[in-house]
Amino acid sequence: MKRSTTFALTALILGAAVLAAAPTPVVKVAYPGNLQGWFFYNDVTDAVDNSLGSFVFGPGTPPLG
């Protein structure tokens, strides 16, 4: 009986620690005038080249995930 109680208590403490350490979600909106640290990279010339990519409109309601 003592072993199962110890296991349950350990699981509860570890579960609480994981929940406490969960990061807070942050929304960042990237657009051509402000890429928020994102960039397009040319792996042939080994250089950042933002002319390689483009932006498209996504769904009105973004999917979860």
N, C-alpha and C. Protein backbone atom coordinates (compact mmCIF):
# COMPACT_ATOMS: atom_id res chain seq x y z
N MET A 1 0.82 -1.19 0.00
CA MET A 1 0.00 0.00 0.00
C MET A 1 0.87 1.26 0.00
N LYS A 2 1.96 1.25 0.74
CA LYS A 2 2.83 2.41 0.84
C LYS A 2 3.48 2.72 -0.52
N ARG A 3 3.85 1.69 -1.27
CA ARG A 3 4.50 1.89 -2.57
C ARG A 3 3.54 2.60 -3.54
N SER A 4 2.29 2.20 -3.61
CA SER A 4 1.34 2.82 -4.54
C SER A 4 1.04 4.26 -4.12
N THR A 5 1.01 4.53 -2.82
CA THR A 5 0.79 5.90 -2.34
C THR A 5 1.97 6.78 -2.72
N THR A 6 3.17 6.27 -2.56
CA THR A 6 4.37 7.02 -2.92
C THR A 6 4.40 7.30 -4.42
N PHE A 7 4.03 6.30 -5.22
CA PHE A 7 4.00 6.47 -6.67
C PHE A 7 2.97 7.52 -7.06
N ALA A 8 1.79 7.47 -6.46
CA ALA A 8 0.73 8.43 -6.78
C ALA A 8 1.16 9.84 -6.39
N LEU A 9 1.78 10.00 -5.24
CA LEU A 9 2.23 11.31 -4.79
C LEU A 9 3.33 11.85 -5.71
N THR A 10 4.26 10.99 -6.12
CA THR A 10 5.32 11.40 -7.03
C THR A 10 4.74 11.83 -8.38
N ALA A 11 3.79 11.07 -8.90
CA ALA A 11 3.15 11.41 -10.17
C ALA A 11 2.42 12.75 -10.07
N LEU A 12 1.76 12.99 -8.95
CA LEU A 12 1.05 14.24 -8.74
C LEU A 12 2.02 15.42 -8.70
N ILE A 13 3.11 15.28 -8.01
CA ILE A 13 4.11 16.36 -7.91
C ILE A 13 4.73 16.63 -9.27
N LEU A 14 5.10 15.59 -10.01
CA LEU A 14 5.70 15.77 -11.33
C LEU A 14 4.70 16.39 -12.30
N GLY A 15 3.46 15.98 -12.23
CA GLY A 15 2.41 16.55 -13.08
C GLY A 15 2.22 18.04 -12.81
N ALA A 16 2.24 18.41 -11.54
CA ALA A 16 2.10 19.81 -11.17
C ALA A 16 3.30 20.62 -11.66
N ALA A 17 4.49 20.03 -11.58
CA ALA A 17 5.70 20.73 -12.04
C ALA A 17 5.65 20.96 -13.55
N VAL A 18 5.14 20.00 -14.30
CA VAL A 18 5.04 20.15 -15.76
C VAL A 18 4.03 21.25 -16.09
N LEU A 19 2.90 21.26 -15.41
CA LEU A 19 1.89 22.30 -15.66
C LEU A 19 2.42 23.68 -15.28
N ALA A 20 3.16 23.77 -14.21
CA ALA A 20 3.71 25.06 -13.78
C ALA A 20 4.76 25.57 -14.75
N ALA A 21 5.46 24.67 -15.44
CA ALA A 21 6.52 25.06 -16.35
C ALA A 21 6.02 25.29 -17.78
N ALA A 22 4.73 25.09 -18.03
CA ALA A 22 4.19 25.25 -19.38
C ALA A 22 4.31 26.70 -19.82
N PRO A 23 4.83 26.95 -21.02
CA PRO A 23 4.99 28.33 -21.48
C PRO A 23 3.65 28.97 -21.81
N THR A 24 3.59 30.27 -21.68
CA THR A 24 2.41 31.03 -22.05
C THR A 24 2.45 31.28 -23.55
N PRO A 25 1.36 30.99 -24.27
CA PRO A 25 1.37 31.21 -25.71
C PRO A 25 1.53 32.70 -26.05
N VAL A 26 2.28 32.97 -27.11
CA VAL A 26 2.49 34.33 -27.58
C VAL A 26 2.12 34.39 -29.05
N VAL A 27 1.32 35.38 -29.41
CA VAL A 27 0.93 35.55 -30.81
C VAL A 27 1.86 36.57 -31.45
N LYS A 28 2.48 36.18 -32.54
CA LYS A 28 3.33 37.08 -33.32
C LYS A 28 2.78 37.11 -34.74
N VAL A 29 2.52 38.29 -35.23
CA VAL A 29 2.03 38.44 -36.59
C VAL A 29 3.18 38.90 -37.46
N ALA A 30 3.54 38.08 -38.44
CA ALA A 30 4.62 38.42 -39.36
C ALA A 30 4.02 38.86 -40.67
N TYR A 31 4.57 39.91 -41.23
CA TYR A 31 4.15 40.39 -42.54
C TYR A 31 5.37 40.98 -43.23
N PRO A 32 5.31 41.24 -44.52
CA PRO A 32 6.53 41.65 -45.23
C PRO A 32 7.26 42.84 -44.62
N GLY A 33 6.55 43.78 -44.02
CA GLY A 33 7.21 44.93 -43.43
C GLY A 33 7.81 44.67 -42.06
N ASN A 34 7.42 43.58 -41.42
CA ASN A 34 7.91 43.24 -40.08
C ASN A 34 7.88 41.72 -39.93
N LEU A 35 8.98 41.06 -40.25
CA LEU A 35 9.02 39.59 -40.28
C LEU A 35 9.16 38.94 -38.91
N GLN A 36 9.27 39.71 -37.83
CA GLN A 36 9.34 39.17 -36.47
C GLN A 36 10.44 38.12 -36.30
N GLY A 37 11.56 38.32 -36.98
CA GLY A 37 12.68 37.38 -36.86
C GLY A 37 12.67 36.25 -37.88
N TRP A 38 11.59 36.11 -38.66
CA TRP A 38 11.54 35.09 -39.70
C TRP A 38 12.27 35.60 -40.93
N PHE A 39 12.80 34.70 -41.73
CA PHE A 39 13.48 35.11 -42.96
C PHE A 39 13.45 33.97 -43.96
N PHE A 40 13.74 34.30 -45.21
CA PHE A 40 13.88 33.31 -46.27
C PHE A 40 15.37 33.13 -46.53
N TYR A 41 15.79 31.90 -46.63
CA TYR A 41 17.21 31.59 -46.69
C TYR A 41 17.53 30.82 -47.97
N ASN A 42 18.56 31.26 -48.67
CA ASN A 42 19.02 30.59 -49.88
C ASN A 42 20.17 29.67 -49.48
N ASP A 43 19.92 28.36 -49.48
CA ASP A 43 20.96 27.43 -49.06
C ASP A 43 22.02 27.17 -50.13
N VAL A 44 21.81 27.65 -51.34
CA VAL A 44 22.81 27.51 -52.39
C VAL A 44 23.90 28.57 -52.23
N THR A 45 23.46 29.83 -52.00
CA THR A 45 24.42 30.92 -51.84
C THR A 45 24.77 31.17 -50.38
N ASP A 46 24.12 30.44 -49.46
CA ASP A 46 24.36 30.56 -48.03
C ASP A 46 24.11 32.00 -47.55
N ALA A 47 22.95 32.53 -47.94
CA ALA A 47 22.64 33.92 -47.58
C ALA A 47 21.14 34.08 -47.34
N VAL A 48 20.80 35.04 -46.50
CA VAL A 48 19.40 35.41 -46.30
C VAL A 48 18.96 36.18 -47.54
N ASP A 49 17.84 35.75 -48.13
CA ASP A 49 17.32 36.40 -49.34
C ASP A 49 15.80 36.43 -49.24
N ASN A 50 15.25 37.51 -48.71
CA ASN A 50 13.81 37.60 -48.51
C ASN A 50 13.01 37.69 -49.80
N SER A 51 13.69 37.85 -50.95
CA SER A 51 12.96 37.86 -52.22
C SER A 51 12.58 36.45 -52.66
N LEU A 52 13.06 35.44 -51.96
CA LEU A 52 12.77 34.04 -52.33
C LEU A 52 11.37 33.59 -51.93
N GLY A 53 10.76 34.28 -51.00
CA GLY A 53 9.46 33.83 -50.49
C GLY A 53 8.39 34.87 -50.66
N SER A 54 7.17 34.46 -50.36
CA SER A 54 6.04 35.38 -50.42
C SER A 54 5.01 34.97 -49.37
N PHE A 55 4.12 35.86 -49.08
CA PHE A 55 3.07 35.60 -48.10
C PHE A 55 1.75 35.39 -48.81
N VAL A 56 0.93 34.54 -48.25
CA VAL A 56 -0.42 34.31 -48.77
C VAL A 56 -1.39 34.46 -47.62
N PHE A 57 -2.65 34.73 -47.93
CA PHE A 57 -3.67 34.85 -46.92
C PHE A 57 -4.05 33.46 -46.42
N GLY A 58 -4.16 33.31 -45.14
CA GLY A 58 -4.56 32.04 -44.55
C GLY A 58 -6.07 32.03 -44.32
N PRO A 59 -6.53 31.00 -43.64
CA PRO A 59 -7.96 30.90 -43.36
C PRO A 59 -8.40 32.00 -42.38
N GLY A 60 -9.67 32.38 -42.45
CA GLY A 60 -10.21 33.40 -41.54
C GLY A 60 -10.08 32.97 -40.09
N THR A 61 -10.31 31.71 -39.84
CA THR A 61 -10.15 31.15 -38.49
C THR A 61 -9.03 30.12 -38.55
N PRO A 62 -7.88 30.41 -37.93
CA PRO A 62 -6.77 29.46 -38.03
C PRO A 62 -7.09 28.15 -37.31
N PRO A 63 -6.57 27.04 -37.82
CA PRO A 63 -6.77 25.75 -37.15
C PRO A 63 -5.96 25.69 -35.86
N LEU A 64 -6.35 24.84 -34.98
CA LEU A 64 -5.60 24.66 -33.74
C LEU A 64 -4.30 23.96 -34.03
N GLY A 65 -3.25 24.32 -33.29
CA GLY A 65 -1.99 23.59 -33.40
C GLY A 65 -0.93 24.32 -34.01
